[in-house]
Amino acid sequence: MQNITQIHALNFGYSQKLSHNNLQQFVKVIVERLGADALLTPGEIVRDFIRILNILHQNTGHLEKLSK
C-alpha cells in the first residue's frame, strides 16, 4: 500500500501524506466488510485503495485532515 501511495503521489505531483496508521485503518475496514472473507482479492483491495487515493487527491482538504 505504501508503494502504491508513493507512485500515485509521484504520478499526480503531490507529496504523500498518508501515515502508516491511515494505511492500517484502510486495510482493517476493507477486511471487516460484509462478505470480505469470501470475496476479497488482492486486486479488489488495490482497486479500492486507488479509488480512495483519487478521491483524496481531488479533495485535498480531507487528505490534510487525515494526516493530522
N, C-alpha and C. Protein backbone atom coordinates (compact mmCIF):
# COMPACT_ATOMS: atom_id res chain seq x y z
N MET A 1 0.82 -1.18 0.00
CA MET A 1 0.00 0.00 0.00
C MET A 1 0.87 1.26 0.00
N GLN A 2 1.97 1.18 0.74
CA GLN A 2 2.87 2.33 0.80
C GLN A 2 3.44 2.64 -0.59
N ASN A 3 3.82 1.61 -1.32
CA ASN A 3 4.36 1.82 -2.67
C ASN A 3 3.31 2.39 -3.61
N ILE A 4 2.10 1.90 -3.51
CA ILE A 4 1.02 2.43 -4.35
C ILE A 4 0.78 3.90 -4.04
N THR A 5 0.81 4.24 -2.76
CA THR A 5 0.63 5.63 -2.34
C THR A 5 1.74 6.51 -2.91
N GLN A 6 2.97 6.04 -2.85
CA GLN A 6 4.10 6.82 -3.38
C GLN A 6 4.01 6.98 -4.88
N ILE A 7 3.64 5.93 -5.59
CA ILE A 7 3.51 6.01 -7.04
C ILE A 7 2.38 6.97 -7.43
N HIS A 8 1.27 6.91 -6.73
CA HIS A 8 0.14 7.80 -7.00
C HIS A 8 0.56 9.25 -6.79
N ALA A 9 1.25 9.52 -5.68
CA ALA A 9 1.71 10.89 -5.39
C ALA A 9 2.69 11.38 -6.44
N LEU A 10 3.61 10.53 -6.85
CA LEU A 10 4.57 10.89 -7.88
C LEU A 10 3.88 11.17 -9.21
N ASN A 11 2.92 10.33 -9.57
CA ASN A 11 2.21 10.49 -10.83
C ASN A 11 1.41 11.79 -10.89
N PHE A 12 0.79 12.16 -9.77
CA PHE A 12 -0.05 13.36 -9.76
C PHE A 12 0.64 14.58 -9.19
N GLY A 13 1.91 14.45 -8.81
CA GLY A 13 2.70 15.61 -8.40
C GLY A 13 2.34 16.21 -7.05
N TYR A 14 2.11 15.40 -6.06
CA TYR A 14 1.86 15.90 -4.71
C TYR A 14 2.71 15.10 -3.73
N SER A 15 2.86 15.62 -2.52
CA SER A 15 3.63 14.89 -1.52
C SER A 15 2.71 13.94 -0.77
N GLN A 16 3.14 12.73 -0.62
CA GLN A 16 2.37 11.67 0.04
C GLN A 16 2.21 12.02 1.52
N LYS A 17 0.98 12.05 2.00
CA LYS A 17 0.72 12.46 3.38
C LYS A 17 -0.01 11.41 4.21
N LEU A 18 -0.28 10.26 3.66
CA LEU A 18 -0.96 9.23 4.44
C LEU A 18 0.04 8.57 5.38
N SER A 19 -0.36 8.39 6.61
CA SER A 19 0.51 7.76 7.59
C SER A 19 0.36 6.24 7.55
N HIS A 20 1.26 5.57 8.21
CA HIS A 20 1.18 4.11 8.33
C HIS A 20 -0.14 3.73 9.01
N ASN A 21 -0.55 4.52 9.98
CA ASN A 21 -1.81 4.28 10.68
C ASN A 21 -3.00 4.39 9.73
N ASN A 22 -2.97 5.38 8.82
CA ASN A 22 -4.05 5.52 7.83
C ASN A 22 -4.15 4.28 6.96
N LEU A 23 -3.01 3.74 6.56
CA LEU A 23 -2.99 2.55 5.72
C LEU A 23 -3.52 1.35 6.48
N GLN A 24 -3.15 1.22 7.75
CA GLN A 24 -3.66 0.13 8.57
C GLN A 24 -5.17 0.22 8.75
N GLN A 25 -5.68 1.44 8.96
CA GLN A 25 -7.12 1.63 9.11
C GLN A 25 -7.85 1.22 7.84
N PHE A 26 -7.31 1.57 6.68
CA PHE A 26 -7.93 1.20 5.41
C PHE A 26 -8.04 -0.31 5.30
N VAL A 27 -6.94 -1.02 5.56
CA VAL A 27 -6.94 -2.48 5.45
C VAL A 27 -7.94 -3.07 6.45
N LYS A 28 -7.99 -2.55 7.64
CA LYS A 28 -8.92 -3.05 8.66
C LYS A 28 -10.37 -2.91 8.19
N VAL A 29 -10.71 -1.76 7.64
CA VAL A 29 -12.07 -1.52 7.16
C VAL A 29 -12.41 -2.45 6.01
N ILE A 30 -11.48 -2.62 5.08
CA ILE A 30 -11.71 -3.49 3.92
C ILE A 30 -11.94 -4.93 4.37
N VAL A 31 -11.12 -5.41 5.30
CA VAL A 31 -11.22 -6.80 5.74
C VAL A 31 -12.51 -7.05 6.53
N GLU A 32 -13.00 -6.03 7.21
CA GLU A 32 -14.21 -6.18 8.03
C GLU A 32 -15.51 -6.00 7.24
N ARG A 33 -15.41 -5.70 5.96
CA ARG A 33 -16.63 -5.53 5.16
C ARG A 33 -17.41 -6.84 5.06
N LEU A 34 -18.70 -6.71 4.92
CA LEU A 34 -19.56 -7.87 4.77
C LEU A 34 -19.17 -8.65 3.52
N GLY A 35 -18.93 -9.93 3.67
CA GLY A 35 -18.58 -10.78 2.55
C GLY A 35 -17.11 -10.79 2.21
N ALA A 36 -16.29 -10.05 2.95
CA ALA A 36 -14.87 -9.96 2.63
C ALA A 36 -14.18 -11.31 2.72
N ASP A 37 -14.61 -12.15 3.63
CA ASP A 37 -13.95 -13.44 3.80
C ASP A 37 -14.08 -14.32 2.55
N ALA A 38 -15.14 -14.16 1.80
CA ALA A 38 -15.35 -15.00 0.62
C ALA A 38 -15.00 -14.29 -0.69
N LEU A 39 -15.09 -12.97 -0.72
CA LEU A 39 -14.99 -12.26 -1.98
C LEU A 39 -13.76 -11.36 -2.13
N LEU A 40 -12.98 -11.20 -1.08
CA LEU A 40 -11.87 -10.26 -1.11
C LEU A 40 -10.67 -10.84 -1.85
N THR A 41 -10.18 -10.08 -2.83
CA THR A 41 -8.99 -10.48 -3.57
C THR A 41 -7.98 -9.32 -3.51
N PRO A 42 -6.71 -9.60 -3.72
CA PRO A 42 -5.72 -8.51 -3.73
C PRO A 42 -6.05 -7.42 -4.76
N GLY A 43 -6.57 -7.82 -5.89
CA GLY A 43 -6.93 -6.84 -6.92
C GLY A 43 -8.02 -5.89 -6.45
N GLU A 44 -8.99 -6.42 -5.72
CA GLU A 44 -10.07 -5.57 -5.20
C GLU A 44 -9.53 -4.59 -4.17
N ILE A 45 -8.61 -5.05 -3.34
CA ILE A 45 -8.02 -4.17 -2.33
C ILE A 45 -7.28 -3.03 -3.01
N VAL A 46 -6.48 -3.35 -4.01
CA VAL A 46 -5.71 -2.32 -4.73
C VAL A 46 -6.65 -1.36 -5.45
N ARG A 47 -7.65 -1.89 -6.11
CA ARG A 47 -8.61 -1.04 -6.84
C ARG A 47 -9.33 -0.09 -5.89
N ASP A 48 -9.80 -0.60 -4.76
CA ASP A 48 -10.47 0.26 -3.77
C ASP A 48 -9.52 1.31 -3.21
N PHE A 49 -8.28 0.92 -2.96
CA PHE A 49 -7.30 1.85 -2.41
C PHE A 49 -7.00 2.97 -3.40
N ILE A 50 -6.83 2.63 -4.67
CA ILE A 50 -6.57 3.66 -5.68
C ILE A 50 -7.76 4.59 -5.82
N ARG A 51 -8.96 4.06 -5.73
CA ARG A 51 -10.16 4.92 -5.77
C ARG A 51 -10.14 5.93 -4.63
N ILE A 52 -9.76 5.46 -3.45
CA ILE A 52 -9.70 6.36 -2.30
C ILE A 52 -8.61 7.41 -2.50
N LEU A 53 -7.45 6.99 -3.01
CA LEU A 53 -6.38 7.96 -3.28
C LEU A 53 -6.84 9.01 -4.28
N ASN A 54 -7.57 8.60 -5.30
CA ASN A 54 -8.09 9.56 -6.29
C ASN A 54 -9.06 10.54 -5.64
N ILE A 55 -9.94 10.04 -4.81
CA ILE A 55 -10.91 10.91 -4.13
C ILE A 55 -10.19 11.89 -3.21
N LEU A 56 -9.23 11.39 -2.45
CA LEU A 56 -8.48 12.27 -1.54
C LEU A 56 -7.68 13.31 -2.32
N HIS A 57 -7.11 12.91 -3.44
CA HIS A 57 -6.35 13.85 -4.26
C HIS A 57 -7.26 14.96 -4.80
N GLN A 58 -8.45 14.60 -5.20
CA GLN A 58 -9.40 15.58 -5.73
C GLN A 58 -9.95 16.49 -4.65
N ASN A 59 -9.89 16.04 -3.40
CA ASN A 59 -10.40 16.80 -2.26
C ASN A 59 -9.27 16.94 -1.23
N THR A 60 -8.26 17.72 -1.58
CA THR A 60 -7.04 17.78 -0.78
C THR A 60 -7.27 18.22 0.65
N GLY A 61 -8.28 18.97 0.94
CA GLY A 61 -8.55 19.39 2.30
C GLY A 61 -8.79 18.21 3.22
N HIS A 62 -9.44 17.17 2.71
CA HIS A 62 -9.71 15.98 3.52
C HIS A 62 -8.41 15.21 3.78
N LEU A 63 -7.52 15.19 2.83
CA LEU A 63 -6.24 14.50 3.00
C LEU A 63 -5.42 15.16 4.08
N GLU A 64 -5.46 16.50 4.14
CA GLU A 64 -4.72 17.22 5.17
C GLU A 64 -5.29 16.92 6.54
N LYS A 65 -6.60 16.77 6.67
CA LYS A 65 -7.21 16.42 7.94
C LYS A 65 -6.80 15.04 8.40
N LEU A 66 -6.68 14.09 7.47
CA LEU A 66 -6.28 12.73 7.81
C LEU A 66 -4.85 12.66 8.34
N SER A 67 -3.99 13.51 7.82
CA SER A 67 -2.58 13.43 8.18
C SER A 67 -2.27 14.04 9.54
N LYS A 68 -3.25 14.69 10.16
CA LYS A 68 -3.02 15.28 11.49
C LYS A 68 -3.29 14.31 12.59
